[in-house]
């Protein structure tokens, strides 16, 4: 099984703690948040799950975090960095196993659950008003 998710796109993410100088704060955070969700969508396919419907609360997290600024922004930024740090190698490993013809359903489901737990924690850092 192959997936159209291209890990090379994930390299456009800023290195941990180093925001991309070409992007504004909201844009850089939104790019990373979107990339994490693209990786999660690939994991969902490998876990044989349906496509997740993303709520407005999830979609607007970067904008809310930037609007809050200060500690909430920094915590959200770190949480998103942590999610990316888990999703990128996890997806790489799943794709490598898939390329060898191995069933990754169980491992992908485990990564999917970890993603959801971590995302819930990040969302709790910047709740909707």
N, C-alpha and C. Protein backbone atom coordinates (compact mmCIF):
# COMPACT_ATOMS: atom_id res chain seq x y z
N UNK A 1 0.85 -1.18 0.00
CA UNK A 1 0.00 0.00 0.00
C UNK A 1 0.89 1.24 0.00
N UNK A 2 0.58 2.15 -0.84
CA UNK A 2 1.32 3.40 -0.83
C UNK A 2 0.35 4.52 -0.50
N UNK A 3 0.92 5.66 -0.18
CA UNK A 3 0.09 6.80 0.17
C UNK A 3 0.66 8.02 -0.49
N UNK A 4 -0.19 8.93 -0.87
CA UNK A 4 0.25 10.13 -1.57
C UNK A 4 0.91 11.15 -0.65
N UNK A 5 0.88 10.93 0.65
CA UNK A 5 1.53 11.86 1.57
C UNK A 5 3.03 11.83 1.30
N UNK A 6 3.60 12.97 1.06
CA UNK A 6 5.01 13.08 0.73
C UNK A 6 5.75 13.65 1.93
N UNK A 7 6.58 12.82 2.55
CA UNK A 7 7.32 13.28 3.73
C UNK A 7 8.27 14.41 3.41
N UNK A 8 8.65 14.56 2.15
CA UNK A 8 9.55 15.66 1.82
C UNK A 8 8.89 17.01 2.09
N UNK A 9 7.57 17.04 2.04
CA UNK A 9 6.86 18.28 2.35
C UNK A 9 7.01 18.64 3.82
N UNK A 10 7.17 17.65 4.66
CA UNK A 10 7.33 17.91 6.08
C UNK A 10 8.63 18.61 6.38
N UNK A 11 9.61 18.53 5.46
CA UNK A 11 10.88 19.20 5.71
C UNK A 11 10.74 20.71 5.60
N UNK A 12 9.63 21.17 5.04
CA UNK A 12 9.44 22.61 4.97
C UNK A 12 9.06 23.18 6.33
N UNK A 13 8.78 22.31 7.27
CA UNK A 13 8.46 22.77 8.61
C UNK A 13 9.71 23.35 9.25
N UNK A 14 9.55 24.36 10.07
CA UNK A 14 10.71 24.89 10.75
C UNK A 14 11.31 23.84 11.67
N UNK A 15 12.61 23.88 11.83
CA UNK A 15 13.25 22.99 12.79
C UNK A 15 12.72 23.35 14.17
N UNK A 16 12.77 22.40 15.06
CA UNK A 16 12.23 22.64 16.41
C UNK A 16 12.76 23.92 17.01
N UNK A 17 11.85 24.78 17.38
CA UNK A 17 12.22 26.02 18.04
C UNK A 17 12.75 27.10 17.11
N UNK A 18 12.78 26.84 15.80
CA UNK A 18 13.29 27.83 14.86
C UNK A 18 12.22 28.17 13.85
N UNK A 19 11.42 29.22 14.10
CA UNK A 19 10.36 29.57 13.17
C UNK A 19 10.93 29.99 11.82
N UNK A 20 10.20 29.68 10.77
CA UNK A 20 10.59 30.06 9.41
C UNK A 20 10.46 31.58 9.29
N UNK A 21 11.56 32.25 9.01
CA UNK A 21 11.56 33.71 8.95
C UNK A 21 10.72 34.25 7.80
N UNK A 22 10.44 33.41 6.79
CA UNK A 22 9.65 33.87 5.65
C UNK A 22 8.16 33.92 5.96
N UNK A 23 7.74 33.25 7.01
CA UNK A 23 6.31 33.19 7.34
C UNK A 23 6.02 34.00 8.59
N UNK A 24 4.84 34.61 8.60
CA UNK A 24 4.40 35.30 9.81
C UNK A 24 4.10 34.26 10.88
N UNK A 25 4.01 34.69 12.11
CA UNK A 25 3.73 33.77 13.22
C UNK A 25 2.47 32.94 12.98
N UNK A 26 1.33 33.56 12.63
CA UNK A 26 0.14 32.73 12.41
C UNK A 26 0.32 31.76 11.24
N UNK A 27 0.97 32.21 10.18
CA UNK A 27 1.14 31.35 9.00
C UNK A 27 2.07 30.18 9.30
N UNK A 28 3.16 30.44 10.01
CA UNK A 28 4.11 29.37 10.33
C UNK A 28 3.45 28.31 11.21
N UNK A 29 2.70 28.75 12.19
CA UNK A 29 2.02 27.82 13.07
C UNK A 29 0.95 27.05 12.31
N UNK A 30 0.22 27.73 11.43
CA UNK A 30 -0.82 27.07 10.64
C UNK A 30 -0.22 26.04 9.68
N UNK A 31 0.92 26.36 9.08
CA UNK A 31 1.58 25.41 8.17
C UNK A 31 1.96 24.15 8.92
N UNK A 32 2.53 24.32 10.10
CA UNK A 32 2.94 23.15 10.87
C UNK A 32 1.72 22.35 11.34
N UNK A 33 0.69 23.03 11.78
CA UNK A 33 -0.54 22.37 12.23
C UNK A 33 -1.15 21.57 11.08
N UNK A 34 -1.20 22.17 9.89
CA UNK A 34 -1.73 21.47 8.72
C UNK A 34 -0.88 20.26 8.35
N UNK A 35 0.44 20.40 8.42
CA UNK A 35 1.33 19.29 8.08
C UNK A 35 1.13 18.12 9.05
N UNK A 36 0.95 18.43 10.32
CA UNK A 36 0.69 17.38 11.30
C UNK A 36 -0.60 16.64 10.96
N UNK A 37 -1.60 17.39 10.52
CA UNK A 37 -2.88 16.76 10.18
C UNK A 37 -2.79 15.98 8.87
N UNK A 38 -1.94 16.40 7.95
CA UNK A 38 -1.72 15.60 6.74
C UNK A 38 -1.08 14.26 7.10
N UNK A 39 -0.11 14.31 8.00
CA UNK A 39 0.51 13.08 8.47
C UNK A 39 -0.52 12.19 9.16
N UNK A 40 -1.37 12.79 9.98
CA UNK A 40 -2.41 12.02 10.67
C UNK A 40 -3.39 11.39 9.68
N UNK A 41 -3.69 12.10 8.60
CA UNK A 41 -4.59 11.55 7.58
C UNK A 41 -3.95 10.33 6.91
N UNK A 42 -2.64 10.39 6.69
CA UNK A 42 -1.93 9.25 6.11
C UNK A 42 -1.95 8.07 7.08
N UNK A 43 -1.75 8.35 8.35
CA UNK A 43 -1.80 7.30 9.37
C UNK A 43 -3.19 6.69 9.43
N UNK A 44 -4.22 7.51 9.31
CA UNK A 44 -5.60 7.00 9.33
C UNK A 44 -5.84 6.02 8.18
N UNK A 45 -5.28 6.33 7.03
CA UNK A 45 -5.42 5.42 5.89
C UNK A 45 -4.72 4.10 6.18
N UNK A 46 -3.52 4.18 6.72
CA UNK A 46 -2.77 2.97 7.05
C UNK A 46 -3.46 2.17 8.16
N UNK A 47 -4.21 2.86 9.01
CA UNK A 47 -4.96 2.20 10.09
C UNK A 47 -6.32 1.70 9.61
N UNK A 48 -6.60 1.93 8.33
CA UNK A 48 -7.86 1.52 7.70
C UNK A 48 -9.07 2.20 8.34
N UNK A 49 -8.88 3.48 8.66
CA UNK A 49 -9.96 4.30 9.22
C UNK A 49 -10.48 5.22 8.13
N UNK A 50 -11.66 5.73 8.34
CA UNK A 50 -12.22 6.69 7.41
C UNK A 50 -11.59 8.06 7.59
N UNK A 51 -11.91 8.95 6.68
CA UNK A 51 -11.39 10.31 6.76
C UNK A 51 -12.02 11.04 7.94
N UNK A 52 -11.18 11.71 8.70
CA UNK A 52 -11.66 12.44 9.88
C UNK A 52 -12.25 13.78 9.45
N UNK A 53 -13.35 14.12 10.03
CA UNK A 53 -13.92 15.45 9.81
C UNK A 53 -13.33 16.38 10.86
N UNK A 54 -12.65 17.41 10.39
CA UNK A 54 -11.95 18.33 11.29
C UNK A 54 -12.88 19.48 11.65
N UNK A 55 -13.06 19.69 12.94
CA UNK A 55 -13.96 20.73 13.43
C UNK A 55 -13.31 22.11 13.32
N UNK A 56 -14.13 23.13 13.47
CA UNK A 56 -13.61 24.50 13.47
C UNK A 56 -12.67 24.73 14.66
N UNK A 57 -12.95 24.11 15.78
CA UNK A 57 -12.09 24.27 16.95
C UNK A 57 -10.68 23.76 16.66
N UNK A 58 -10.60 22.69 15.91
CA UNK A 58 -9.29 22.14 15.53
C UNK A 58 -8.65 23.03 14.47
N UNK A 59 -9.39 23.37 13.48
CA UNK A 59 -8.88 24.14 12.34
C UNK A 59 -8.35 25.51 12.76
N UNK A 60 -8.98 26.14 13.73
CA UNK A 60 -8.63 27.52 14.11
C UNK A 60 -7.65 27.62 15.28
N UNK A 61 -7.11 26.51 15.72
CA UNK A 61 -6.18 26.56 16.85
C UNK A 61 -5.02 27.53 16.63
N UNK A 62 -4.33 27.51 15.49
CA UNK A 62 -3.20 28.45 15.34
C UNK A 62 -3.60 29.91 15.49
N UNK A 63 -4.73 30.29 14.92
CA UNK A 63 -5.17 31.69 15.03
C UNK A 63 -5.52 32.05 16.47
N UNK A 64 -6.16 31.13 17.18
CA UNK A 64 -6.50 31.39 18.58
C UNK A 64 -5.24 31.53 19.43
N UNK A 65 -4.27 30.66 19.17
CA UNK A 65 -3.02 30.70 19.95
C UNK A 65 -2.29 32.01 19.73
N UNK A 66 -2.21 32.46 18.49
CA UNK A 66 -1.53 33.72 18.19
C UNK A 66 -2.29 34.88 18.83
N UNK A 67 -3.61 34.84 18.80
CA UNK A 67 -4.41 35.91 19.41
C UNK A 67 -4.20 35.96 20.92
N UNK A 68 -4.04 34.81 21.55
CA UNK A 68 -3.81 34.78 23.00
C UNK A 68 -2.42 35.26 23.35
N UNK A 69 -1.45 34.93 22.51
CA UNK A 69 -0.04 35.27 22.69
C UNK A 69 0.49 34.75 24.02
N UNK A 70 1.65 35.21 24.41
CA UNK A 70 2.24 34.87 25.70
C UNK A 70 2.41 33.38 25.92
N UNK A 71 2.10 32.98 27.14
CA UNK A 71 2.29 31.59 27.57
C UNK A 71 1.45 30.62 26.76
N UNK A 72 0.21 30.98 26.47
CA UNK A 72 -0.65 30.06 25.71
C UNK A 72 -0.09 29.82 24.31
N UNK A 73 0.41 30.86 23.67
CA UNK A 73 1.02 30.70 22.35
C UNK A 73 2.25 29.81 22.43
N UNK A 74 3.09 30.05 23.40
CA UNK A 74 4.32 29.25 23.52
C UNK A 74 4.00 27.79 23.81
N UNK A 75 3.04 27.54 24.68
CA UNK A 75 2.66 26.16 24.98
C UNK A 75 2.05 25.47 23.75
N UNK A 76 1.21 26.19 23.01
CA UNK A 76 0.63 25.62 21.80
C UNK A 76 1.71 25.33 20.78
N UNK A 77 2.65 26.26 20.61
CA UNK A 77 3.76 26.06 19.66
C UNK A 77 4.56 24.82 20.03
N UNK A 78 4.87 24.68 21.31
CA UNK A 78 5.63 23.50 21.76
C UNK A 78 4.83 22.22 21.58
N UNK A 79 3.53 22.29 21.85
CA UNK A 79 2.69 21.12 21.66
C UNK A 79 2.63 20.68 20.21
N UNK A 80 2.53 21.64 19.31
CA UNK A 80 2.50 21.33 17.88
C UNK A 80 3.85 20.78 17.44
N UNK A 81 4.93 21.36 17.94
CA UNK A 81 6.27 20.83 17.66
C UNK A 81 6.39 19.38 18.12
N UNK A 82 5.88 19.11 19.31
CA UNK A 82 5.94 17.75 19.84
C UNK A 82 5.12 16.78 18.98
N UNK A 83 3.95 17.23 18.55
CA UNK A 83 3.14 16.38 17.67
C UNK A 83 3.89 16.08 16.37
N UNK A 84 4.50 17.09 15.79
CA UNK A 84 5.27 16.88 14.56
C UNK A 84 6.44 15.93 14.81
N UNK A 85 7.08 16.09 15.97
CA UNK A 85 8.22 15.24 16.29
C UNK A 85 7.83 13.77 16.44
N UNK A 86 6.61 13.51 16.80
CA UNK A 86 6.12 12.13 16.92
C UNK A 86 5.59 11.61 15.58
N UNK A 87 4.83 12.45 14.89
CA UNK A 87 4.17 12.00 13.67
C UNK A 87 5.14 11.72 12.53
N UNK A 88 6.15 12.56 12.35
CA UNK A 88 7.05 12.38 11.21
C UNK A 88 7.79 11.04 11.26
N UNK A 89 8.50 10.72 12.33
CA UNK A 89 9.18 9.42 12.33
C UNK A 89 8.21 8.24 12.40
N UNK A 90 7.09 8.44 13.08
CA UNK A 90 6.09 7.37 13.14
C UNK A 90 5.55 7.03 11.77
N UNK A 91 5.23 8.05 11.00
CA UNK A 91 4.73 7.82 9.64
C UNK A 91 5.82 7.25 8.75
N UNK A 92 7.04 7.74 8.90
CA UNK A 92 8.16 7.17 8.12
C UNK A 92 8.29 5.68 8.37
N UNK A 93 8.23 5.29 9.64
CA UNK A 93 8.35 3.87 9.98
C UNK A 93 7.20 3.06 9.39
N UNK A 94 5.99 3.59 9.49
CA UNK A 94 4.84 2.88 8.92
C UNK A 94 4.97 2.72 7.41
N UNK A 95 5.40 3.77 6.73
CA UNK A 95 5.55 3.69 5.28
C UNK A 95 6.67 2.74 4.88
N UNK A 96 7.73 2.70 5.67
CA UNK A 96 8.82 1.76 5.39
C UNK A 96 8.34 0.32 5.53
N UNK A 97 7.58 0.04 6.55
CA UNK A 97 7.04 -1.30 6.74
C UNK A 97 6.05 -1.65 5.63
N UNK A 98 5.24 -0.68 5.26
CA UNK A 98 4.27 -0.90 4.19
C UNK A 98 4.99 -1.21 2.88
N UNK A 99 6.08 -0.52 2.61
CA UNK A 99 6.85 -0.75 1.39
C UNK A 99 7.42 -2.17 1.36
N UNK A 100 7.64 -2.75 2.52
CA UNK A 100 8.14 -4.13 2.60
C UNK A 100 7.01 -5.15 2.57
N UNK A 101 5.78 -4.66 2.45
CA UNK A 101 4.64 -5.56 2.36
C UNK A 101 4.08 -6.00 3.70
N UNK A 102 4.50 -5.38 4.78
CA UNK A 102 4.02 -5.77 6.10
C UNK A 102 2.73 -5.04 6.44
N UNK A 103 1.90 -5.68 7.21
CA UNK A 103 0.64 -5.08 7.66
C UNK A 103 0.95 -4.10 8.79
N UNK A 104 0.54 -2.87 8.61
CA UNK A 104 0.81 -1.84 9.61
C UNK A 104 -0.46 -1.36 10.32
N UNK A 105 -1.54 -2.06 10.11
CA UNK A 105 -2.82 -1.60 10.64
C UNK A 105 -2.78 -1.37 12.15
N UNK A 106 -2.28 -2.33 12.89
CA UNK A 106 -2.26 -2.22 14.35
C UNK A 106 -1.34 -1.08 14.80
N UNK A 107 -0.16 -1.01 14.24
CA UNK A 107 0.77 0.07 14.61
C UNK A 107 0.22 1.43 14.23
N UNK A 108 -0.40 1.52 13.06
CA UNK A 108 -0.98 2.79 12.62
C UNK A 108 -2.12 3.20 13.54
N UNK A 109 -2.91 2.26 13.96
CA UNK A 109 -4.01 2.57 14.88
C UNK A 109 -3.47 3.08 16.22
N UNK A 110 -2.39 2.50 16.68
CA UNK A 110 -1.76 2.96 17.92
C UNK A 110 -1.25 4.38 17.76
N UNK A 111 -0.58 4.69 16.64
CA UNK A 111 -0.10 6.05 16.41
C UNK A 111 -1.26 7.01 16.27
N UNK A 112 -2.33 6.59 15.62
CA UNK A 112 -3.53 7.41 15.47
C UNK A 112 -4.11 7.79 16.83
N UNK A 113 -4.19 6.82 17.72
CA UNK A 113 -4.72 7.09 19.07
C UNK A 113 -3.82 8.04 19.84
N UNK A 114 -2.51 7.84 19.72
CA UNK A 114 -1.56 8.74 20.38
C UNK A 114 -1.70 10.16 19.84
N UNK A 115 -1.88 10.29 18.54
CA UNK A 115 -2.08 11.59 17.91
C UNK A 115 -3.31 12.28 18.49
N UNK A 116 -4.41 11.53 18.58
CA UNK A 116 -5.65 12.13 19.09
C UNK A 116 -5.51 12.56 20.54
N UNK A 117 -4.86 11.77 21.35
CA UNK A 117 -4.65 12.12 22.76
C UNK A 117 -3.80 13.38 22.87
N UNK A 118 -2.72 13.43 22.10
CA UNK A 118 -1.84 14.60 22.14
C UNK A 118 -2.53 15.84 21.57
N UNK A 119 -3.28 15.66 20.49
CA UNK A 119 -3.98 16.81 19.91
C UNK A 119 -5.01 17.37 20.89
N UNK A 120 -5.71 16.50 21.58
CA UNK A 120 -6.67 16.95 22.58
C UNK A 120 -5.98 17.80 23.65
N UNK A 121 -4.79 17.38 24.06
CA UNK A 121 -4.04 18.14 25.06
C UNK A 121 -3.64 19.52 24.52
N UNK A 122 -3.21 19.56 23.27
CA UNK A 122 -2.83 20.85 22.66
C UNK A 122 -4.06 21.76 22.55
N UNK A 123 -5.18 21.21 22.14
CA UNK A 123 -6.40 21.99 22.02
C UNK A 123 -6.85 22.54 23.38
N UNK A 124 -6.61 21.79 24.44
CA UNK A 124 -7.00 22.24 25.78
C UNK A 124 -6.15 23.42 26.24
N UNK A 125 -4.98 23.61 25.64
CA UNK A 125 -4.12 24.73 26.01
C UNK A 125 -4.69 26.07 25.57
N UNK A 126 -5.46 26.04 24.48
CA UNK A 126 -6.04 27.27 23.91
C UNK A 126 -7.52 27.00 23.64
N UNK A 127 -8.34 26.96 24.66
CA UNK A 127 -9.75 26.64 24.46
C UNK A 127 -10.49 27.73 23.70
N UNK A 128 -11.56 27.32 23.06
CA UNK A 128 -12.42 28.30 22.40
C UNK A 128 -13.10 29.13 23.47
N UNK A 129 -13.39 30.36 23.14
CA UNK A 129 -14.02 31.27 24.09
C UNK A 129 -15.49 30.94 24.23
